[in-house]
Protein backbone atom coordinates (compact mmCIF):
# COMPACT_ATOMS: atom_id res chain seq x y z
CA UNK A 1 -0.03 -0.06 -0.07
CA UNK A 2 1.27 3.45 -0.93
CA UNK A 3 1.87 6.05 1.73
CA UNK A 4 -0.87 8.81 1.57
CA UNK A 5 0.31 11.24 4.09
CA UNK A 6 2.76 13.99 2.78
CA UNK A 7 3.96 17.48 3.65
CA UNK A 8 2.27 20.41 2.00
CA UNK A 9 4.52 22.66 -0.23
CA UNK A 10 5.31 25.99 1.55
CA UNK A 11 3.14 27.91 -1.07
CA UNK A 12 0.03 26.01 -0.28
CA UNK A 13 0.63 26.07 3.49
CA UNK A 14 1.07 29.81 3.25
CA UNK A 15 -2.22 30.27 1.34
CA UNK A 16 -4.01 28.11 4.08
CA UNK A 17 -2.39 30.49 6.81
CA UNK A 18 -3.50 33.41 4.70
CA UNK A 19 -7.11 32.33 4.83
CA UNK A 20 -7.00 32.69 8.53
CA UNK A 21 -5.02 35.89 8.89
CA UNK A 22 -5.72 37.85 5.68
CA UNK A 23 -9.39 37.71 5.18
CA UNK A 24 -9.68 41.06 3.25
CA UNK A 25 -7.74 44.24 2.44
CA UNK A 26 -8.39 45.56 5.94
CA UNK A 27 -6.50 42.55 7.41
CA UNK A 28 -3.40 43.66 5.45
CA UNK A 29 -3.70 47.16 6.75
CA UNK A 30 -3.90 46.08 10.37
CA UNK A 31 -0.95 43.64 10.10
CA UNK A 32 1.45 46.18 8.27
CA UNK A 33 0.36 49.15 10.50
CA UNK A 34 0.83 47.09 13.59
CA UNK A 35 4.34 46.03 12.46
CA UNK A 36 5.21 49.70 11.92
CA UNK A 37 4.09 50.40 15.43
CA UNK A 38 6.29 47.58 16.80
CA UNK A 39 9.14 49.03 14.75
CA UNK A 40 8.83 52.13 16.98
CA UNK A 41 7.74 54.53 14.17
CA UNK A 42 6.54 57.95 15.10
CA UNK A 43 4.99 58.76 11.78
CA UNK A 44 2.96 56.13 9.61
CA UNK A 45 1.29 56.93 6.32
CA UNK A 46 -1.16 54.55 4.68
CA UNK A 47 -1.94 54.84 0.90
CA UNK A 48 -4.96 52.90 -0.54
CA UNK A 49 -6.05 52.35 -3.99
CA UNK A 50 -9.47 50.77 -4.96
CA UNK A 51 -10.27 50.01 -1.36
CA UNK A 52 -7.06 48.02 -1.18
CA UNK A 53 -7.68 45.68 -4.13
CA UNK A 54 -5.16 47.50 -6.24
CA UNK A 55 -2.62 48.83 -3.73
CA UNK A 56 -1.94 48.93 0.07
CA UNK A 57 1.22 50.94 0.98
CA UNK A 58 2.47 51.55 4.45
CA UNK A 59 5.18 53.96 4.95
CA UNK A 60 6.97 54.28 8.38
CA UNK A 61 10.06 56.01 9.86
CA UNK A 62 10.73 53.07 12.25
CA UNK A 63 13.94 51.10 12.84
CA UNK A 64 13.99 49.52 9.38
CA UNK A 65 15.57 46.00 8.63
CA UNK A 66 18.83 44.74 7.44
CA UNK A 67 18.89 42.57 4.31
CA UNK A 68 18.90 39.44 6.14
CA UNK A 69 16.04 40.38 8.40
CA UNK A 70 13.95 41.60 5.40
CA UNK A 71 14.38 38.25 3.81
CA UNK A 72 13.59 36.21 7.03
CA UNK A 73 10.57 38.27 7.71
CA UNK A 74 8.66 36.53 4.95
CA UNK A 75 9.31 33.12 6.28
CA UNK A 76 6.56 31.36 8.30
CA UNK A 77 6.96 31.58 12.06
CA UNK A 78 9.78 33.99 11.70
CA UNK A 79 9.63 36.61 14.58
CA UNK A 80 11.78 38.92 16.73
CA UNK A 81 9.46 38.67 19.67
CA UNK A 82 9.58 35.09 20.89
CA UNK A 83 12.64 33.03 22.07
CA UNK A 84 10.72 30.53 24.26
CA UNK A 85 7.19 29.38 25.05
CA UNK A 86 7.34 31.53 28.22
CA UNK A 87 7.54 34.72 25.95
CA UNK A 88 3.89 34.02 24.73
CA UNK A 89 2.66 35.09 28.08
CA UNK A 90 4.68 38.28 28.36
CA UNK A 91 3.88 40.02 25.23
CA UNK A 92 3.56 43.82 24.90
CA UNK A 93 3.86 44.00 21.10
CA UNK A 94 1.28 43.45 18.21
CA UNK A 95 2.47 40.93 15.80
CA UNK A 96 4.40 37.99 17.26
CA UNK A 97 3.44 34.76 15.43
CA UNK A 98 5.45 35.45 12.28
CA UNK A 99 2.59 34.59 9.95
CA UNK A 100 1.37 37.95 8.66
CA UNK A 101 3.98 38.77 6.03
CA UNK A 102 4.32 35.14 4.81
CA UNK A 103 0.60 35.12 4.47
CA UNK A 104 0.42 38.41 2.61
CA UNK A 105 3.18 37.45 0.19
CA UNK A 106 1.25 34.15 -0.46
CA UNK A 107 -1.71 36.02 -1.99
CA UNK A 108 -0.33 39.16 -3.33
CA UNK A 109 2.62 40.94 -4.99
CA UNK A 110 4.75 42.48 -2.34
CA UNK A 111 7.45 45.01 -2.43
CA UNK A 112 9.50 46.02 0.58
CA UNK A 113 12.00 48.86 0.57
CA UNK A 114 13.75 49.25 4.06
CA UNK A 115 16.85 50.85 5.52
CA UNK A 116 18.26 50.73 8.94
CA UNK A 117 19.08 54.05 10.73
CA UNK A 118 22.64 55.19 10.24
CA UNK A 119 23.21 52.86 7.37
CA UNK A 120 23.93 54.25 3.82
CA UNK A 121 22.03 51.79 1.67
CA UNK A 122 18.86 49.72 2.30
CA UNK A 123 17.25 46.84 0.68
CA UNK A 124 14.58 46.24 -1.99
CA UNK A 125 12.76 42.93 -1.97
CA UNK A 126 9.97 41.68 -4.21
CA UNK A 127 7.77 38.60 -3.84
CA UNK A 128 4.82 37.09 -5.57
CA UNK A 129 2.85 34.10 -4.41
CA UNK A 130 5.48 33.23 -1.70
CA UNK A 131 8.28 33.16 -4.41
CA UNK A 132 11.21 35.61 -4.01
CA UNK A 133 11.49 37.40 -7.31
CA UNK A 134 14.27 39.94 -6.55
CA UNK A 135 16.36 41.24 -3.67
CA UNK A 136 18.91 44.07 -4.13
CA UNK A 137 20.51 47.00 -2.40
CA UNK A 138 18.39 50.18 -2.70
CA UNK A 139 18.80 53.90 -1.80
CA UNK A 140 15.68 54.26 0.21
CA UNK A 141 14.75 56.41 3.17
CA UNK A 142 15.31 55.14 6.70
CA UNK A 143 12.35 52.98 7.84
CA UNK A 144 10.15 50.69 5.87
CA UNK A 145 7.81 50.96 2.75
CA UNK A 146 5.55 48.03 2.26
CA UNK A 147 3.63 47.95 -1.16
CA UNK A 148 1.02 45.24 -1.44
CA UNK A 149 -0.46 44.99 -5.02
CA UNK A 150 -3.13 42.88 -6.61
CA UNK A 151 -4.36 41.13 -3.44
CA UNK A 152 -5.68 37.59 -3.96
CA UNK A 153 -4.41 37.63 -7.56
CA UNK A 154 -3.77 33.85 -7.35
CA UNK A 155 -6.88 33.04 -5.23
CA UNK A 156 -9.66 34.18 -7.66
CA UNK A 157 -12.40 32.62 -5.34
CA UNK A 158 -11.30 34.77 -2.38
CA UNK A 159 -11.11 37.83 -4.58
CA UNK A 160 -14.58 37.05 -5.94
CA UNK A 161 -16.12 37.11 -2.47
CA UNK A 162 -14.71 40.60 -1.48
CA UNK A 163 -17.48 43.15 -0.88
CA UNK A 164 -18.07 46.39 -2.68
CA UNK A 165 -15.31 49.14 -2.51
CA UNK A 166 -17.39 51.11 -0.14
CA UNK A 167 -17.77 48.20 2.33
CA UNK A 168 -14.14 47.14 2.03
CA UNK A 169 -12.80 50.74 2.53
CA UNK A 170 -15.01 51.08 5.51
CA UNK A 171 -13.41 48.02 6.96
CA UNK A 172 -10.02 49.52 6.39
CA UNK A 173 -11.17 52.67 8.17
CA UNK A 174 -12.39 50.57 11.23
CA UNK A 175 -8.99 48.98 11.44
CA UNK A 176 -7.09 52.27 11.07
CA UNK A 177 -9.18 53.97 13.72
CA UNK A 178 -8.58 51.13 16.24
CA UNK A 179 -4.87 51.50 15.85
CA UNK A 180 -4.98 55.42 16.00
CA UNK A 181 -7.03 55.31 19.24
CA UNK A 182 -4.51 53.24 21.10
CA UNK A 183 -1.36 54.96 19.69
CA UNK A 184 -2.05 58.80 20.07
CA UNK A 185 1.78 59.35 20.43
CA UNK A 186 2.13 58.33 16.84
CA UNK A 187 1.27 60.72 13.92
CA UNK A 188 -1.04 58.71 11.40
CA UNK A 189 -2.45 59.50 7.99
CA UNK A 190 -4.67 57.74 5.60
CA UNK A 191 -5.26 58.44 1.86
CA UNK A 192 -7.66 56.79 -0.47
CA UNK A 193 -7.14 57.14 -4.30
CA UNK A 194 -4.96 60.14 -3.35
CA UNK A 195 -7.66 61.90 -1.28
CA UNK A 196 -6.77 62.59 2.36
CA UNK A 197 -9.17 60.76 4.74
CA UNK A 198 -7.21 61.25 8.01
CA UNK A 199 -4.22 63.36 9.07
CA UNK A 200 -3.71 62.70 12.80
CA UNK A 201 -0.84 64.54 14.49
CA UNK A 202 0.73 63.26 17.65
CA UNK A 203 -1.60 64.31 20.55
CA UNK A 204 -3.02 63.21 23.87
CA UNK A 205 -5.84 60.53 24.04
CA UNK A 206 -8.75 62.83 24.35
CA UNK A 207 -7.56 65.01 21.41
CA UNK A 208 -6.83 61.83 19.32
CA UNK A 209 -10.62 60.84 19.88
CA UNK A 210 -11.78 64.31 18.94
CA UNK A 211 -9.45 64.36 15.77
CA UNK A 212 -10.92 61.14 14.64
CA UNK A 213 -14.65 61.58 15.43
CA UNK A 214 -15.06 65.28 15.48
CA UNK A 215 -15.07 68.14 17.89
CA UNK A 216 -18.74 67.64 19.00
CA UNK A 217 -17.73 64.34 20.85
CA UNK A 218 -15.37 66.23 23.17
CA UNK A 219 -18.02 67.68 25.55
CA UNK A 220 -19.89 64.19 25.78
CA UNK A 221 -16.68 62.39 27.13
CA UNK A 222 -16.37 61.49 30.88
CA UNK A 223 -12.92 60.52 32.29
CA UNK A 224 -12.44 56.95 33.33
CA UNK A 225 -9.73 56.07 35.99
CA UNK A 226 -9.46 53.13 38.36
CA UNK A 227 -6.23 51.52 39.61
CA UNK A 228 -5.91 48.34 41.62
CA UNK A 229 -3.30 45.56 42.02
CA UNK A 230 -5.19 43.52 39.50
CA UNK A 231 -5.81 45.95 36.65
CA UNK A 232 -5.59 49.65 35.75
CA UNK A 233 -8.56 50.98 33.85
CA UNK A 234 -8.50 54.45 31.92
CA UNK A 235 -10.12 56.10 29.05
CA UNK A 236 -13.51 57.74 28.60
CA UNK A 237 -17.23 56.87 28.62
CA UNK A 238 -19.97 58.81 27.12
CA UNK A 239 -22.55 60.97 28.99
CA UNK A 240 -25.94 59.22 29.17
CA UNK A 241 -27.45 61.79 26.77
CA UNK A 242 -25.05 60.85 23.96
CA UNK A 243 -26.30 57.19 23.88
CA UNK A 244 -27.80 56.12 20.63
CA UNK A 245 -29.53 53.15 19.00
CA UNK A 246 -27.15 52.85 16.10
CA UNK A 247 -23.53 53.67 15.52
CA UNK A 248 -22.48 54.00 19.13
CA UNK A 249 -18.52 54.11 19.51
CA UNK A 250 -17.49 51.23 21.61
CA UNK A 251 -13.93 50.24 22.00
CA UNK A 252 -11.94 48.00 24.43
CA UNK A 253 -8.31 47.91 24.50
CA UNK A 254 -5.88 45.70 26.61
CA UNK A 255 -2.18 46.52 26.80
CA UNK A 256 -2.36 48.45 23.59
CA UNK A 257 -4.44 45.97 21.64
CA UNK A 258 -7.99 46.30 20.46
CA UNK A 259 -10.37 43.49 21.71
CA UNK A 260 -13.85 42.41 21.55
CA UNK A 261 -15.24 41.34 24.88
CA UNK A 262 -19.19 40.60 25.01
CA UNK A 263 -18.74 40.01 28.91
CA UNK A 264 -17.27 43.40 29.52
CA UNK A 265 -19.78 44.91 27.27
CA UNK A 266 -22.55 43.66 29.46
CA UNK A 267 -20.69 45.41 32.43
CA UNK A 268 -20.99 48.68 30.41
CA UNK A 269 -24.77 48.17 29.87
CA UNK A 270 -25.21 47.30 33.48
CA UNK A 271 -23.40 50.33 34.63
CA UNK A 272 -25.75 52.62 32.58
CA UNK A 273 -28.89 50.77 33.79
CA UNK A 274 -31.77 53.24 34.34
CA UNK A 275 -29.78 55.97 32.80
CA UNK A 276 -30.25 55.41 29.12
CA UNK A 277 -33.48 54.21 27.27
CA UNK A 278 -33.90 50.61 26.51
CA UNK A 279 -32.25 49.71 23.15
CA UNK A 280 -29.75 52.46 23.27
CA UNK A 281 -25.95 52.09 23.69
CA UNK A 282 -23.36 54.32 25.30
CA UNK A 283 -20.08 55.38 23.85
CA UNK A 284 -16.97 54.12 25.46
CA UNK A 285 -13.18 54.07 25.04
CA UNK A 286 -11.84 51.79 27.69
CA UNK A 287 -8.16 50.86 28.18
CA UNK A 288 -7.02 48.01 30.37
CA UNK A 289 -3.52 47.72 31.52
CA UNK A 290 -2.44 44.55 33.45
CA UNK A 291 0.13 41.78 33.69
CA UNK A 292 0.44 40.01 30.31
CA UNK A 293 0.63 36.78 32.20
CA UNK A 294 -3.07 37.35 33.25
CA UNK A 295 -4.32 37.23 29.72
CA UNK A 296 -4.13 35.08 26.69
CA UNK A 297 -4.16 36.86 23.31
CA UNK A 298 -3.41 33.88 21.15
CA UNK A 299 -6.92 32.19 21.13
CA UNK A 300 -7.94 33.71 17.70
CA UNK A 301 -5.96 34.20 14.44
CA UNK A 302 -6.76 38.02 14.41
CA UNK A 303 -6.04 38.21 18.14
CA UNK A 304 -9.15 40.33 18.91
CA UNK A 305 -10.66 37.85 21.35
CA UNK A 306 -8.75 37.81 24.59
CA UNK A 307 -9.36 35.65 27.66
CA UNK A 308 -8.68 37.08 31.10
CA UNK A 309 -7.64 35.16 34.10
CA UNK A 310 -9.80 37.21 36.63
CA UNK A 311 -12.76 38.18 34.41
CA UNK A 312 -15.31 38.52 37.23
CA UNK A 313 -12.98 40.71 39.35
CA UNK A 314 -12.20 42.95 36.40
CA UNK A 315 -15.91 43.07 35.66
CA UNK A 316 -16.65 44.55 39.04
CA UNK A 317 -13.78 47.02 38.99
CA UNK A 318 -15.03 48.25 35.63
CA UNK A 319 -18.58 48.67 36.87
CA UNK A 320 -17.40 50.60 39.86
CA UNK A 321 -15.17 52.82 37.78
CA UNK A 322 -17.87 53.66 35.31
CA UNK A 323 -20.44 54.43 38.02
CA UNK A 324 -17.98 56.60 39.80
CA UNK A 325 -17.33 58.66 36.62
CA UNK A 326 -21.06 59.16 36.06
CA UNK A 327 -21.54 60.23 39.62
CA UNK A 328 -18.84 62.81 39.38
CA UNK A 329 -20.55 64.19 36.40
CA UNK A 330 -23.97 64.33 38.08
CA UNK A 331 -25.26 61.87 35.45
CA UNK A 332 -26.44 59.56 38.42
CA UNK A 333 -29.20 61.57 40.27
CA UNK A 334 -28.49 62.33 44.03
CA UNK A 335 -30.81 60.71 46.62
CA UNK A 336 -33.53 62.97 47.63
CA UNK A 337 -35.53 61.70 50.58
CA UNK A 338 -39.34 62.10 50.57
CA UNK A 339 -40.40 63.69 53.84
CA UNK A 340 -44.23 63.22 53.07
CA UNK A 341 -45.99 61.14 55.78
CA UNK A 342 -42.82 60.91 57.77
CA UNK A 343 -42.92 60.70 61.63
CA UNK A 344 -42.55 64.17 63.17
CA UNK A 345 -39.66 63.42 65.74
CA UNK A 346 -39.07 66.44 68.01
CA UNK A 347 -35.67 67.88 68.33
CA UNK A 348 -33.92 66.75 71.72
CA UNK A 349 -33.80 69.91 74.07
CA UNK A 350 -31.38 69.56 76.94
CA UNK A 351 -33.21 72.27 78.79
CA UNK A 352 -36.39 70.35 79.12
CA UNK A 353 -37.85 70.02 82.59
CA UNK A 354 -36.16 66.96 84.12
CA UNK A 355 -38.90 66.40 86.79
CA UNK A 356 -41.93 66.64 84.41
CA UNK A 357 -44.01 63.44 85.02
CA UNK A 358 -44.16 61.00 82.12
CA UNK A 359 -47.67 59.98 80.74
CA UNK A 360 -48.38 56.43 79.82
CA UNK A 361 -49.68 56.15 76.22
CA UNK A 362 -53.39 55.31 75.91
CA UNK A 363 -54.47 52.59 73.73
CA UNK A 364 -58.18 52.53 72.38
CA UNK A 365 -59.60 49.09 71.89
CA UNK A 366 -63.03 48.08 70.64
CA UNK A 367 -63.83 44.79 72.31
CA UNK A 368 -66.91 44.36 70.10
CA UNK A 369 -64.97 44.29 66.83
CA UNK A 370 -65.44 41.32 64.78
CA UNK A 371 -63.72 41.39 61.29
CA UNK A 372 -65.89 38.50 60.00
CA UNK A 373 -69.18 40.40 60.27
CA UNK A 374 -68.09 43.28 57.92
CA UNK A 375 -67.92 43.12 54.14
CA UNK A 376 -65.25 44.91 52.08
CA UNK A 377 -66.54 46.90 49.24
CA UNK A 378 -64.32 47.82 46.28
CA UNK A 379 -64.91 50.68 43.96
CA UNK A 380 -64.85 49.22 40.45
CA UNK A 381 -63.61 51.39 37.63
CA UNK A 382 -66.46 52.13 35.25
CA UNK A 383 -65.84 51.58 31.57
CA UNK A 384 -68.33 51.37 28.70
CA UNK A 385 -67.30 47.93 27.54
CA UNK A 386 -70.04 48.04 24.86
CA UNK A 387 -67.61 50.06 22.82
CA UNK A 388 -65.56 46.97 22.29
CA UNK A 389 -68.33 44.95 20.97
CA UNK A 390 -69.89 47.38 18.50
CA UNK A 391 -69.58 45.50 15.17
CA UNK A 392 -69.09 47.06 11.80
CA UNK A 393 -71.14 46.25 9.00
CA UNK A 394 -69.16 47.99 6.30
CA UNK A 395 -67.71 46.06 3.37
CA UNK A 396 -64.62 44.11 3.84
CA UNK A 397 -61.56 46.01 2.60
CA UNK A 398 -58.66 43.74 3.29
CA UNK A 399 -57.90 40.03 3.74
CA UNK A 400 -54.64 38.97 5.43
CA UNK A 401 -52.75 35.76 5.05
CA UNK A 402 -54.88 34.09 7.74
CA UNK A 403 -58.11 34.93 6.13
CA UNK A 404 -59.18 37.33 8.86
CA UNK A 405 -61.54 39.84 7.43
CA UNK A 406 -60.98 43.57 8.40
CA UNK A 407 -63.62 46.23 8.41
CA UNK A 408 -63.33 49.95 8.59
CA UNK A 409 -63.37 51.74 11.91
CA UNK A 410 -66.12 54.09 12.76
CA UNK A 411 -64.71 55.55 15.92
CA UNK A 412 -65.21 52.66 18.22
CA UNK A 413 -61.51 52.47 19.63
CA UNK A 414 -59.98 52.10 23.01
CA UNK A 415 -56.29 52.82 23.71
CA UNK A 416 -54.81 50.30 26.30
CA UNK A 417 -51.81 51.34 28.33
CA UNK A 418 -50.71 53.89 25.75
CA UNK A 419 -49.39 51.14 23.44
CA UNK A 420 -52.37 49.10 21.91
CA UNK A 421 -55.44 50.20 20.24
CA UNK A 422 -58.46 47.80 20.85
CA UNK A 423 -61.28 47.91 18.27
CA UNK A 424 -64.04 45.67 17.14
CA UNK A 425 -64.08 44.15 13.65
CA UNK A 426 -66.55 42.05 11.80
CA UNK A 427 -64.39 38.95 12.59
CA UNK A 428 -63.75 39.80 16.30
CA UNK A 429 -61.73 41.95 18.46
CA UNK A 430 -58.52 43.51 17.12
CA UNK A 431 -55.57 44.61 19.29
CA UNK A 432 -53.22 46.79 17.31
CA UNK A 433 -49.76 47.90 18.23
CA UNK A 434 -49.82 51.56 17.52
CA UNK A 435 -46.05 52.00 16.91
CA UNK A 436 -45.79 49.16 14.63
CA UNK A 437 -48.92 50.22 12.78
CA UNK A 438 -47.56 53.68 12.21
CA UNK A 439 -44.22 52.26 11.10
CA UNK A 440 -45.95 50.10 8.35
CA UNK A 441 -47.89 53.22 7.20
CA UNK A 442 -44.70 55.45 7.13
CA UNK A 443 -42.68 52.78 5.42
CA UNK A 444 -45.12 52.42 2.61
CA UNK A 445 -45.23 56.20 2.08
CA UNK A 446 -41.44 56.53 1.95
CA UNK A 447 -41.14 53.52 -0.36
CA UNK A 448 -43.68 55.18 -2.65
CA UNK A 449 -41.93 58.53 -2.61
CA UNK A 450 -38.58 56.92 -3.45
CA UNK A 451 -40.01 54.79 -6.37
CA UNK A 452 -41.82 57.79 -7.74
CA UNK A 453 -38.63 59.90 -7.06
CA UNK A 454 -40.80 62.49 -5.43
CA UNK A 455 -40.46 63.17 -1.80
CA UNK A 456 -42.34 65.82 0.20
CA UNK A 457 -39.76 68.11 2.00
CA UNK A 458 -40.50 70.43 4.83
CA UNK A 459 -38.07 73.22 4.69
CA UNK A 460 -36.30 74.25 8.01
CA UNK A 461 -36.14 77.80 9.06
CA UNK A 462 -32.61 77.30 10.41
CA UNK A 463 -30.70 74.57 8.60
CA UNK A 464 -29.01 71.96 10.90
CA UNK A 465 -25.44 70.84 10.35
CA UNK A 466 -24.42 67.15 10.43
CA UNK A 467 -20.83 65.87 10.28
CA UNK A 468 -20.27 62.22 9.36
CA UNK A 469 -17.28 60.05 10.46
CA UNK A 470 -14.99 58.73 7.84
CA UNK A 471 -16.62 55.26 8.06
CA UNK A 472 -20.16 56.79 7.64
CA UNK A 473 -19.00 59.08 4.80
CA UNK A 474 -18.07 56.08 2.65
CA UNK A 475 -21.69 55.08 2.61
CA UNK A 476 -23.12 58.38 1.69
CA UNK A 477 -22.59 58.45 -2.05
CA UNK A 478 -24.89 55.40 -2.42
CA UNK A 479 -27.59 56.93 -0.22
CA UNK A 480 -27.85 60.59 -1.28
CA UNK A 481 -30.42 60.06 -4.15
CA UNK A 482 -32.71 57.89 -1.93
CA UNK A 483 -32.49 60.40 1.01
CA UNK A 484 -33.50 63.22 -1.41
CA UNK A 485 -36.52 61.09 -2.77
CA UNK A 486 -37.63 60.48 0.80
CA UNK A 487 -37.62 64.26 1.64
CA UNK A 488 -34.24 65.16 2.84
CA UNK A 489 -32.76 68.36 1.28
CA UNK A 490 -29.10 68.33 1.87
CA UNK A 491 -26.20 70.57 0.96
CA UNK A 492 -22.58 69.33 0.87
CA UNK A 493 -20.33 71.66 2.93
CA UNK A 494 -17.29 69.79 2.32
CA UNK A 495 -15.21 67.55 4.82
CA UNK A 496 -18.07 65.04 5.21
CA UNK A 497 -20.23 67.76 6.55
CA UNK A 498 -23.78 68.52 5.31
CA UNK A 499 -26.40 71.21 5.93
CA UNK A 500 -29.91 69.80 6.37
CA UNK A 501 -32.20 72.32 4.77
CA UNK A 502 -35.34 70.13 4.68
CA UNK A 503 -36.77 67.04 6.15
CA UNK A 504 -39.46 64.55 5.18
CA UNK A 505 -42.86 65.99 5.92
CA UNK A 506 -44.53 64.78 9.21
CA UNK A 507 -41.27 64.25 11.29
CA UNK A 508 -40.86 67.95 12.37
CA UNK A 509 -40.72 67.12 16.00
CA UNK A 510 -37.74 64.60 15.62
CA UNK A 511 -34.02 65.42 15.40
CA UNK A 512 -33.06 65.30 11.78
CA UNK A 513 -29.33 64.74 12.61
CA UNK A 514 -30.34 61.50 14.63
CA UNK A 515 -32.59 60.40 11.94
CA UNK A 516 -29.99 60.79 9.23
CA UNK A 517 -27.21 59.20 11.26
CA UNK A 518 -29.59 56.20 12.05
CA UNK A 519 -30.60 55.78 8.47
CA UNK A 520 -26.80 55.73 7.35
CA UNK A 521 -25.99 53.12 10.21
CA UNK A 522 -28.90 51.01 9.27
CA UNK A 523 -27.68 50.76 5.63
CA UNK A 524 -24.24 50.01 6.90
CA UNK A 525 -25.42 47.32 9.30
CA UNK A 526 -27.60 45.53 6.61
CA UNK A 527 -24.70 45.69 4.16
CA UNK A 528 -27.07 46.92 1.31
CA UNK A 529 -25.68 46.66 -2.26
CA UNK A 530 -28.65 47.09 -4.85
CA UNK A 531 -30.45 50.34 -5.02
CA UNK A 532 -33.80 48.65 -4.04
CA UNK A 533 -32.22 47.33 -0.84
CA UNK A 534 -30.71 50.65 0.04
CA UNK A 535 -34.10 52.32 -0.46
CA UNK A 536 -35.72 49.78 1.81
CA UNK A 537 -33.11 50.09 4.48
CA UNK A 538 -33.44 53.84 4.53
CA UNK A 539 -37.32 53.74 4.60
CA UNK A 540 -37.28 51.19 7.42
CA UNK A 541 -34.89 53.18 9.57
CA UNK A 542 -36.70 56.40 9.15
CA UNK A 543 -40.13 54.80 9.77
CA UNK A 544 -38.96 53.12 12.98
CA UNK A 545 -37.71 56.42 14.20
CA UNK A 546 -40.58 58.63 13.23
CA UNK A 547 -43.39 56.25 14.17
CA UNK A 548 -45.57 57.04 17.15
CA UNK A 549 -43.88 55.78 20.19
CA UNK A 550 -45.43 53.59 22.96
CA UNK A 551 -46.93 55.64 25.69
CA UNK A 552 -48.17 58.34 23.48
CA UNK A 553 -51.88 59.17 24.18
CA UNK A 554 -54.06 59.33 21.05
CA UNK A 555 -57.51 60.81 20.59
CA UNK A 556 -60.34 58.69 19.00
CA UNK A 557 -59.97 60.67 15.83
CA UNK A 558 -56.23 59.83 15.67
CA UNK A 559 -56.95 56.14 16.43
CA UNK A 560 -59.60 56.07 13.67
CA UNK A 561 -57.22 57.57 11.10
CA UNK A 562 -54.34 55.17 12.06
CA UNK A 563 -56.66 52.22 11.69
CA UNK A 564 -58.01 53.32 8.40
CA UNK A 565 -54.54 54.02 7.08
CA UNK A 566 -53.17 50.74 8.28
CA UNK A 567 -55.95 48.70 6.57
CA UNK A 568 -55.13 50.61 3.39
CA UNK A 569 -51.46 49.66 3.55
CA UNK A 570 -49.72 46.95 1.61
CA UNK A 571 -49.53 44.66 4.63
CA UNK A 572 -51.73 45.42 7.65
CA UNK A 573 -50.65 42.33 9.59
CA UNK A 574 -46.82 42.66 9.78
CA UNK A 575 -44.09 45.43 9.86
CA UNK A 576 -41.59 45.71 7.14
CA UNK A 577 -39.07 43.73 9.32
CA UNK A 578 -41.65 40.97 10.02
CA UNK A 579 -43.12 41.72 13.43
CA UNK A 580 -46.72 41.30 13.98
CA UNK A 581 -48.86 44.48 14.04
CA UNK A 582 -52.16 43.27 15.20
CA UNK A 583 -53.80 40.25 16.78
CA UNK A 584 -57.36 39.11 16.26
CA UNK A 585 -59.49 37.70 19.08
CA UNK A 586 -62.37 35.87 17.07
CA UNK A 587 -65.86 35.68 18.19
CA UNK A 588 -65.39 31.87 18.72
CA UNK A 589 -62.31 32.53 21.00
CA UNK A 590 -64.32 35.03 23.01
CA UNK A 591 -67.13 32.70 23.52
CA UNK A 592 -64.80 29.89 24.77
CA UNK A 593 -63.35 32.34 27.34
CA UNK A 594 -66.78 32.79 28.83
CA UNK A 595 -67.87 29.22 29.01
């Protein structure tokens, strides 16, 4: 029998490793910029072409490499950070496994130009598909210049599954921002197709956050500071009024490395309990510093999932630090004791007459009292229940998927707990969620306006200004037409800033800035591509925000109008995102309840 087990060629092994480490252009940016940080660079420039599909170039003024080191850097498991297994648990640097450059070279054309400080000549090295094509002396600047071209040129299946340029570049921005937020001492810049996206000078942490996300965030940041023998926690958390349903800025860093940690995220939500509305998320930029031996960063290829040795203790310290920060800013209300119905305790007077006789308290007792001879009476809240059973004899106007016949309302409605509308139909008793019903109505209106390319805009007396982050701005070009058709009148002021001159009719009492931001983030989260999908995403986001909220009291006329509009909509039973709008309690079900 022939042997069937054999070693893989290096080229194939590198491509397999690349599948774990290099998933998209953003992965290349992350690895190369982190290498530049480890090389002690003080200035790093990133140049991108076509969202990284054509070119990713990282220029740094770090230590540079010798010719031998430049060649060795592209070998698998080659690293300058690990000499023994113990070093894995004492890491303070970013890259350490020695797979990144080998993985990149396996799926792209790579050129490296590098020169050590104080040395006259540097080295130029060119690789393609793990093969060394050229290595020679080069008169380059001190530091390193990595140029990665034609990513996935030899893995067409991987290149085929890359997303649109807008999506891929947004992922690059996300990786760039994470590195920028944890390295404010380094000047960083990012260019896309020769257009400057970021130019971040060396600064303090608060200034770096402001430079990345705009000046308006500065007033919404609260300092975070907690020191213990176990962990040091620093950074900033957002004020409760800066919480938002979508697009919250949420970052955890440990020992200079970005991480995702659902358990600590729950700690953040717990700390803000009762301070922000349900469904909204706070901003936070939290930095953990602790002994590297107490964490394991090598449990995931991208090293963004980190295991802590004392997670519960860190959780408690984090919650306490956040609440202290909120309390200092008066975000947590002070305790105000209610003195109504309190006992009137006289103030002690040492000058009182010492020989004044004490009186024994008198207790009044009725010896004839018998609780079993008296009947408790309860006042019943009167309500005209006949309203709920007043049927409608008008013609049927809709039939849902469950063959339930709807009839028009004639004013016989009742609002229950500020959330539901109860009304009688020919087929029984209908309970309607007012928020979801209004959302369906608005969604249909917005979709109709977009398809007809004719939105009704309510002009603002004083235009409002909205500034988008770099990640949000990448989505805007695909949304502007749909936003205009819905009713937004926007003027581009440059630098990702727009003036809102008009808004869709009927949402005058809502914040147009929040509505616009929510619409953009909803489109980002759903990953829309086709124009129809983008249109639906914007319409759904706007309808959710503008719909009548639970708890709002409605008049009978308003309820009548809402019900009539709902039954005239495209789907009275379900919201656009598939949630039930109404429930029917049929005549048969009612009869069964009273048997």
